Structure formats: C-alpha cells, structure tokens
Amino acid sequence: MNTFITIIVLALIGGIIGWITNILAIKLIFRPINPIKIPILNIELLGLIPKRKKEIAENIGQVVANELISIDDIINDAFTEEDKLNLTSYVQNRIKNIINEKLNFIPAPFKMMVAPKIDSIVNEEVSSAINDITDDMIDKIKERVEIEKIVTEKINELDLLELERIIISVAKKELKHIEILGLILGLVIGLFQGIVISLI
C-alpha cells in the first residue's frame, strides 16, 4: 500500500512540476518586458519576444511578402477585369453623351452618318487609354507598396503588451496544449520514478 501511495505521490509531484515548468516557459516567452539584471551572475533577463521583437517582425514581414501575400494578389483583388470593363464602359458612354450634346447643331442626317465612326473611335481610344492608365498605376503601386516593410513596421509599432495579447489570442489553444503536455510528461516521469524506487 505504501509503495502504491509513493508511486502516486511521485507521479502527482512530477505532473505538477511539468505543468508549472511549461507555464513558466510560456510566460518567459513574453516576460520580463524590461531587462532585469542579476549583478552577481552578470546575467540580464529579458523575454524572448521583447528581446527579439525587431528580428521577429522582419521575419514575419518576409514570410508574409514572400509566401502569403503578393502585391499582384492585392491588385487583382482590388481592381478586377470586371471593374476595368465597367470603368471603360462608363467613360465611353460619358464621352459619347458629351459629344452628342455638343453636336446638336449638326443636321440629323449628317449626324447619323458620322455617329458610328465617332462611337468606334471613342470605344477604341478609351479602351486603349484605360489599359495604359491601369498598367501605369499597377507599375507605380508595385514600386511604392512594400508589403514586407509595411508588416515589419506595423509589428514594430505594436506595444509589447498588445503584441503579447495578439499572440496569446491566436495561439491560446496551442499554448494550453503545451501546458497539458507538461502535466502528462511530468506524470509519466513521476510514475516511472516511483516504480523504479519501489523496485529498489
């Protein structure tokens, strides 16, 4: 009976130690936020994220820009071919209406003769102009917008407490699993120790 109790107690102690160890390990990812110096040991304590925030921001920026989102994806979603067709159609119709208003003084028979030619020219020139303008805009956007730089700057601008809150909210489930894993591993190790001790 005493042996059984010893095994159970050691398993519980191991589980508690494993659980607390993983909780502390998770906390040390974020804390301390400000450096704490230990004079005798000449050691400076600082959380992993506060210490490497800049490097983490740069790495996330690179991953987002290279693997997740490209400027082409943003442009294609922001201004589709359908949008271009709608814009072209609107400008064409607007120009045709203005021309018709300005040519009211021309006799109707002559106007009917030139109207198809004018419409054809307007359609062709407007379509070409819209294509040129959109291509030029896309080139300028690609030159000016740097996704990696934007993401890096935004993360660096975040307060450390806010960054901690975001990371925990995103990885809350996974962090809880790490805590439970520490508990389970501690229980197994404690159980094994108890069995070994009982056999000695």
C-alpha atoms as a PDB file:
ATOM      1  CA  MET A   1       0.000   0.000   0.000  1.00  0.00           C
ATOM      2  CA  ASN A   2       2.824   2.379   0.944  1.00  0.00           C
ATOM      3  CA  THR A   3       4.544   1.592  -2.356  1.00  0.00           C
ATOM      4  CA  PHE A   4       1.378   2.406  -4.303  1.00  0.00           C
ATOM      5  CA  ILE A   5       0.971   5.711  -2.440  1.00  0.00           C
ATOM      6  CA  THR A   6       4.621   6.570  -3.109  1.00  0.00           C
ATOM      7  CA  ILE A   7       4.177   5.925  -6.832  1.00  0.00           C
ATOM      8  CA  ILE A   8       1.009   8.056  -6.954  1.00  0.00           C
ATOM      9  CA  VAL A   9       2.599  10.905  -4.947  1.00  0.00           C
ATOM     10  CA  LEU A  10       5.698  10.960  -7.163  1.00  0.00           C
ATOM     11  CA  ALA A  11       3.515  10.890 -10.277  1.00  0.00           C
ATOM     12  CA  LEU A  12       1.450  13.830  -8.968  1.00  0.00           C
ATOM     13  CA  ILE A  13       4.569  15.779  -7.995  1.00  0.00           C
ATOM     14  CA  GLY A  14       6.079  15.113 -11.429  1.00  0.00           C
ATOM     15  CA  GLY A  15       2.860  16.214 -13.132  1.00  0.00           C
ATOM     16  CA  ILE A  16       2.679  19.432 -11.109  1.00  0.00           C
ATOM     17  CA  ILE A  17       6.357  20.193 -11.778  1.00  0.00           C
ATOM     18  CA  GLY A  18       5.925  19.537 -15.520  1.00  0.00           C
ATOM     19  CA  TRP A  19       2.785  21.678 -15.662  1.00  0.00           C
ATOM     20  CA  ILE A  20       4.333  24.607 -13.745  1.00  0.00           C
ATOM     21  CA  THR A  21       7.561  24.350 -15.777  1.00  0.00           C
ATOM     22  CA  ASN A  22       5.689  24.708 -19.064  1.00  0.00           C
ATOM     23  CA  ILE A  23       3.575  27.576 -17.719  1.00  0.00           C
ATOM     24  CA  LEU A  24       6.768  29.396 -16.701  1.00  0.00           C
ATOM     25  CA  ALA A  25       8.367  28.603 -20.072  1.00  0.00           C
ATOM     26  CA  ILE A  26       5.382  30.157 -21.873  1.00  0.00           C
ATOM     27  CA  LYS A  27       5.498  33.209 -19.592  1.00  0.00           C
ATOM     28  CA  LEU A  28       9.217  33.633 -20.283  1.00  0.00           C
ATOM     29  CA  ILE A  29       8.450  33.977 -23.980  1.00  0.00           C
ATOM     30  CA  PHE A  30       6.868  37.362 -23.163  1.00  0.00           C
ATOM     31  CA  ARG A  31       8.301  38.320 -19.763  1.00  0.00           C
ATOM     32  CA  PRO A  32      10.109  40.172 -18.422  1.00  0.00           C
ATOM     33  CA  ILE A  33       9.278  43.009 -20.787  1.00  0.00           C
ATOM     34  CA  ASN A  34      12.033  45.239 -19.402  1.00  0.00           C
ATOM     35  CA  PRO A  35      15.568  43.888 -18.784  1.00  0.00           C
ATOM     36  CA  ILE A  36      16.273  42.618 -15.274  1.00  0.00           C
ATOM     37  CA  LYS A  37      19.958  42.440 -14.348  1.00  0.00           C
ATOM     38  CA  ILE A  38      21.340  39.938 -11.862  1.00  0.00           C
ATOM     39  CA  PRO A  39      24.591  41.604 -10.667  1.00  0.00           C
ATOM     40  CA  ILE A  40      26.324  38.617  -9.056  1.00  0.00           C
ATOM     41  CA  LEU A  41      25.784  36.296 -12.023  1.00  0.00           C
ATOM     42  CA  ASN A  42      26.168  39.122 -14.555  1.00  0.00           C
ATOM     43  CA  ILE A  43      23.025  37.914 -16.342  1.00  0.00           C
ATOM     44  CA  GLU A  44      20.315  40.027 -17.965  1.00  0.00           C
ATOM     45  CA  LEU A  45      16.834  38.524 -18.069  1.00  0.00           C
ATOM     46  CA  LEU A  46      14.533  39.559 -20.902  1.00  0.00           C
ATOM     47  CA  GLY A  47      11.613  37.785 -22.552  1.00  0.00           C
ATOM     48  CA  LEU A  48      12.221  36.143 -25.922  1.00  0.00           C
ATOM     49  CA  ILE A  49       9.765  38.357 -27.812  1.00  0.00           C
ATOM     50  CA  PRO A  50      10.851  41.663 -26.184  1.00  0.00           C
ATOM     51  CA  LYS A  51      14.481  40.734 -26.854  1.00  0.00           C
ATOM     52  CA  ARG A  52      13.987  39.713 -30.494  1.00  0.00           C
ATOM     53  CA  LYS A  53      10.945  41.781 -31.447  1.00  0.00           C
ATOM     54  CA  LYS A  54      12.698  43.524 -34.338  1.00  0.00           C
ATOM     55  CA  GLU A  55      14.046  40.266 -35.763  1.00  0.00           C
ATOM     56  CA  ILE A  56      10.653  38.555 -35.358  1.00  0.00           C
ATOM     57  CA  ALA A  57       8.926  41.473 -37.106  1.00  0.00           C
ATOM     58  CA  GLU A  58      11.374  41.287 -40.024  1.00  0.00           C
ATOM     59  CA  ASN A  59      10.937  37.519 -40.358  1.00  0.00           C
ATOM     60  CA  ILE A  60       7.136  37.769 -40.293  1.00  0.00           C
ATOM     61  CA  GLY A  61       7.314  40.562 -42.872  1.00  0.00           C
ATOM     62  CA  GLN A  62       9.449  38.379 -45.156  1.00  0.00           C
ATOM     63  CA  VAL A  63       7.142  35.362 -44.776  1.00  0.00           C
ATOM     64  CA  VAL A  64       4.004  37.413 -45.458  1.00  0.00           C
ATOM     65  CA  ALA A  65       5.535  39.102 -48.516  1.00  0.00           C
ATOM     66  CA  ASN A  66       7.223  36.011 -49.969  1.00  0.00           C
ATOM     67  CA  GLU A  67       4.846  33.196 -49.045  1.00  0.00           C
ATOM     68  CA  LEU A  68       1.393  34.557 -48.190  1.00  0.00           C
ATOM     69  CA  ILE A  69       0.521  37.795 -49.989  1.00  0.00           C
ATOM     70  CA  SER A  70       1.996  39.355 -53.107  1.00  0.00           C
ATOM     71  CA  ILE A  71       1.314  42.837 -54.423  1.00  0.00           C
ATOM     72  CA  ASP A  72      -0.156  41.183 -57.532  1.00  0.00           C
ATOM     73  CA  ASP A  73      -2.728  39.379 -55.361  1.00  0.00           C
ATOM     74  CA  ILE A  74      -3.772  42.656 -53.746  1.00  0.00           C
ATOM     75  CA  ILE A  75      -4.035  44.481 -57.083  1.00  0.00           C
ATOM     76  CA  ASN A  76      -6.001  41.653 -58.712  1.00  0.00           C
ATOM     77  CA  ASP A  77      -8.475  41.560 -55.824  1.00  0.00           C
ATOM     78  CA  ALA A  78      -8.737  45.349 -55.548  1.00  0.00           C
ATOM     79  CA  PHE A  79      -9.203  46.082 -59.265  1.00  0.00           C
ATOM     80  CA  THR A  80     -10.610  43.179 -61.290  1.00  0.00           C
ATOM     81  CA  GLU A  81     -11.108  42.842 -65.049  1.00  0.00           C
ATOM     82  CA  GLU A  82     -14.812  43.418 -64.433  1.00  0.00           C
ATOM     83  CA  ASP A  83     -14.003  46.727 -62.725  1.00  0.00           C
ATOM     84  CA  LYS A  84     -11.857  47.711 -65.710  1.00  0.00           C
ATOM     85  CA  LEU A  85     -14.684  46.867 -68.154  1.00  0.00           C
ATOM     86  CA  ASN A  86     -17.196  48.832 -66.064  1.00  0.00           C
ATOM     87  CA  LEU A  87     -14.875  51.845 -65.934  1.00  0.00           C
ATOM     88  CA  THR A  88     -14.207  51.648 -69.677  1.00  0.00           C
ATOM     89  CA  SER A  89     -17.921  51.415 -70.442  1.00  0.00           C
ATOM     90  CA  TYR A  90     -18.734  54.350 -68.146  1.00  0.00           C
ATOM     91  CA  VAL A  91     -16.078  56.624 -69.699  1.00  0.00           C
ATOM     92  CA  GLN A  92     -17.095  55.642 -73.244  1.00  0.00           C
ATOM     93  CA  ASN A  93     -20.762  56.400 -72.600  1.00  0.00           C
ATOM     94  CA  ARG A  94     -19.932  59.644 -70.828  1.00  0.00           C
ATOM     95  CA  ILE A  95     -17.794  60.879 -73.748  1.00  0.00           C
ATOM     96  CA  LYS A  96     -20.442  59.844 -76.296  1.00  0.00           C
ATOM     97  CA  ASN A  97     -23.135  61.757 -74.390  1.00  0.00           C
ATOM     98  CA  ILE A  98     -20.950  64.869 -74.246  1.00  0.00           C
ATOM     99  CA  ILE A  99     -20.200  64.622 -77.986  1.00  0.00           C
ATOM    100  CA  ASN A 100     -23.899  64.207 -78.796  1.00  0.00           C
ATOM    101  CA  GLU A 101     -24.757  67.257 -76.702  1.00  0.00           C
ATOM    102  CA  LYS A 102     -22.070  69.349 -78.414  1.00  0.00           C
ATOM    103  CA  LEU A 103     -23.111  68.223 -81.916  1.00  0.00           C
ATOM    104  CA  ASN A 104     -26.767  69.222 -81.599  1.00  0.00           C
ATOM    105  CA  PHE A 105     -26.258  71.947 -84.216  1.00  0.00           C
ATOM    106  CA  ILE A 106     -25.302  69.350 -86.876  1.00  0.00           C
ATOM    107  CA  PRO A 107     -28.191  68.243 -89.118  1.00  0.00           C
ATOM    108  CA  ALA A 108     -29.637  64.865 -88.115  1.00  0.00           C
ATOM    109  CA  PRO A 109     -28.856  63.021 -91.402  1.00  0.00           C
ATOM    110  CA  PHE A 110     -25.178  64.039 -91.255  1.00  0.00           C
ATOM    111  CA  LYS A 111     -25.056  63.267 -87.551  1.00  0.00           C
ATOM    112  CA  MET A 112     -26.384  59.749 -88.198  1.00  0.00           C
ATOM    113  CA  MET A 113     -23.654  59.250 -90.793  1.00  0.00           C
ATOM    114  CA  VAL A 114     -20.744  60.213 -88.521  1.00  0.00           C
ATOM    115  CA  ALA A 115     -22.115  58.806 -85.238  1.00  0.00           C
ATOM    116  CA  PRO A 116     -21.000  55.172 -85.841  1.00  0.00           C
ATOM    117  CA  LYS A 117     -17.487  56.333 -86.756  1.00  0.00           C
ATOM    118  CA  ILE A 118     -17.291  58.551 -83.674  1.00  0.00           C
ATOM    119  CA  ASP A 119     -18.550  55.696 -81.475  1.00  0.00           C
ATOM    120  CA  SER A 120     -15.933  53.353 -82.926  1.00  0.00           C
ATOM    121  CA  ILE A 121     -13.112  55.850 -82.332  1.00  0.00           C
ATOM    122  CA  VAL A 122     -14.303  56.587 -78.786  1.00  0.00           C
ATOM    123  CA  ASN A 123     -14.595  52.876 -77.946  1.00  0.00           C
ATOM    124  CA  GLU A 124     -11.142  52.091 -79.286  1.00  0.00           C
ATOM    125  CA  GLU A 125      -9.322  55.099 -77.836  1.00  0.00           C
ATOM    126  CA  VAL A 126     -10.962  54.938 -74.409  1.00  0.00           C
ATOM    127  CA  SER A 127     -10.285  51.207 -74.083  1.00  0.00           C
ATOM    128  CA  SER A 128      -6.635  51.748 -75.040  1.00  0.00           C
ATOM    129  CA  ALA A 129      -6.302  54.725 -72.673  1.00  0.00           C
ATOM    130  CA  ILE A 130      -7.831  52.820 -69.731  1.00  0.00           C
ATOM    131  CA  ASN A 131      -5.443  49.917 -70.334  1.00  0.00           C
ATOM    132  CA  ASP A 132      -2.465  52.288 -70.428  1.00  0.00           C
ATOM    133  CA  ILE A 133      -3.592  54.119 -67.282  1.00  0.00           C
ATOM    134  CA  THR A 134      -4.261  50.933 -65.286  1.00  0.00           C
ATOM    135  CA  ASP A 135      -0.943  49.401 -66.364  1.00  0.00           C
ATOM    136  CA  ASP A 136       0.856  52.585 -65.314  1.00  0.00           C
ATOM    137  CA  MET A 137      -0.997  52.632 -61.971  1.00  0.00           C
ATOM    138  CA  ILE A 138      -0.135  48.979 -61.319  1.00  0.00           C
ATOM    139  CA  ASP A 139       3.554  49.644 -62.033  1.00  0.00           C
ATOM    140  CA  LYS A 140       3.548  52.621 -59.645  1.00  0.00           C
ATOM    141  CA  ILE A 141       1.774  50.623 -56.924  1.00  0.00           C
ATOM    142  CA  LYS A 142       4.350  47.834 -57.263  1.00  0.00           C
ATOM    143  CA  GLU A 143       7.146  50.393 -56.917  1.00  0.00           C
ATOM    144  CA  ARG A 144       5.648  52.183 -53.917  1.00  0.00           C
ATOM    145  CA  VAL A 145       3.970  49.434 -51.879  1.00  0.00           C
ATOM    146  CA  GLU A 146       6.356  47.138 -49.990  1.00  0.00           C
ATOM    147  CA  ILE A 147       4.374  44.500 -48.107  1.00  0.00           C
ATOM    148  CA  GLU A 148       7.395  43.304 -46.144  1.00  0.00           C
ATOM    149  CA  LYS A 149       8.182  46.836 -44.970  1.00  0.00           C
ATOM    150  CA  ILE A 150       4.548  47.582 -44.046  1.00  0.00           C
ATOM    151  CA  VAL A 151       4.139  44.374 -41.998  1.00  0.00           C
ATOM    152  CA  THR A 152       7.519  44.839 -40.282  1.00  0.00           C
ATOM    153  CA  GLU A 153       6.754  48.451 -39.340  1.00  0.00           C
ATOM    154  CA  LYS A 154       3.263  47.604 -38.059  1.00  0.00           C
ATOM    155  CA  ILE A 155       4.601  44.845 -35.791  1.00  0.00           C
ATOM    156  CA  ASN A 156       7.428  47.064 -34.514  1.00  0.00           C
ATOM    157  CA  GLU A 157       4.888  49.802 -33.737  1.00  0.00           C
ATOM    158  CA  LEU A 158       2.869  47.434 -31.550  1.00  0.00           C
ATOM    159  CA  ASP A 159       3.215  47.809 -27.800  1.00  0.00           C
ATOM    160  CA  LEU A 160       4.734  44.656 -26.278  1.00  0.00           C
ATOM    161  CA  LEU A 161       1.643  44.061 -24.132  1.00  0.00           C
ATOM    162  CA  GLU A 162      -0.570  44.387 -27.208  1.00  0.00           C
ATOM    163  CA  LEU A 163       1.701  42.018 -29.154  1.00  0.00           C
ATOM    164  CA  GLU A 164       1.524  39.538 -26.270  1.00  0.00           C
ATOM    165  CA  ARG A 165      -2.282  39.772 -26.255  1.00  0.00           C
ATOM    166  CA  ILE A 166      -2.451  39.142 -30.021  1.00  0.00           C
ATOM    167  CA  ILE A 167      -0.109  36.135 -29.915  1.00  0.00           C
ATOM    168  CA  ILE A 168      -1.939  34.584 -26.952  1.00  0.00           C
ATOM    169  CA  SER A 169      -5.343  35.121 -28.585  1.00  0.00           C
ATOM    170  CA  VAL A 170      -4.115  33.458 -31.793  1.00  0.00           C
ATOM    171  CA  ALA A 171      -2.229  30.571 -30.142  1.00  0.00           C
ATOM    172  CA  LYS A 172      -4.333  30.184 -26.981  1.00  0.00           C
ATOM    173  CA  LYS A 173      -5.369  26.607 -27.797  1.00  0.00           C
ATOM    174  CA  GLU A 174      -1.824  25.519 -28.696  1.00  0.00           C
ATOM    175  CA  LEU A 175      -0.342  27.131 -25.564  1.00  0.00           C
ATOM    176  CA  LYS A 176      -2.910  25.311 -23.420  1.00  0.00           C
ATOM    177  CA  HIS A 177      -1.902  22.046 -25.117  1.00  0.00           C
ATOM    178  CA  ILE A 178       1.738  22.739 -24.198  1.00  0.00           C
ATOM    179  CA  GLU A 179       0.724  23.194 -20.541  1.00  0.00           C
ATOM    180  CA  ILE A 180      -1.243  19.922 -20.574  1.00  0.00           C
ATOM    181  CA  LEU A 181       1.632  18.137 -22.305  1.00  0.00           C
ATOM    182  CA  GLY A 182       3.944  19.272 -19.490  1.00  0.00           C
ATOM    183  CA  LEU A 183       1.475  17.849 -16.968  1.00  0.00           C
ATOM    184  CA  ILE A 184       1.241  14.500 -18.804  1.00  0.00           C
ATOM    185  CA  LEU A 185       5.003  14.160 -19.290  1.00  0.00           C
ATOM    186  CA  GLY A 186       5.571  15.064 -15.647  1.00  0.00           C
ATOM    187  CA  LEU A 187       3.045  12.424 -14.551  1.00  0.00           C
ATOM    188  CA  VAL A 188       4.704   9.769 -16.718  1.00  0.00           C
ATOM    189  CA  ILE A 189       8.203  10.646 -15.460  1.00  0.00           C
ATOM    190  CA  GLY A 190       6.996  10.752 -11.846  1.00  0.00           C
ATOM    191  CA  LEU A 191       5.218   7.425 -12.298  1.00  0.00           C
ATOM    192  CA  PHE A 192       8.359   5.879 -13.782  1.00  0.00           C
ATOM    193  CA  GLN A 193      10.474   7.221 -10.897  1.00  0.00           C
ATOM    194  CA  GLY A 194       8.001   5.830  -8.380  1.00  0.00           C
ATOM    195  CA  ILE A 195       8.097   2.386  -9.997  1.00  0.00           C
ATOM    196  CA  VAL A 196      11.913   2.406 -10.104  1.00  0.00           C
ATOM    197  CA  ILE A 197      12.149   3.461  -6.439  1.00  0.00           C
ATOM    198  CA  SER A 198       9.663   0.777  -5.403  1.00  0.00           C
ATOM    199  CA  LEU A 199      11.761  -1.870  -7.137  1.00  0.00           C
ATOM    200  CA  ILE A 200      14.999  -0.842  -5.417  1.00  0.00           C
END
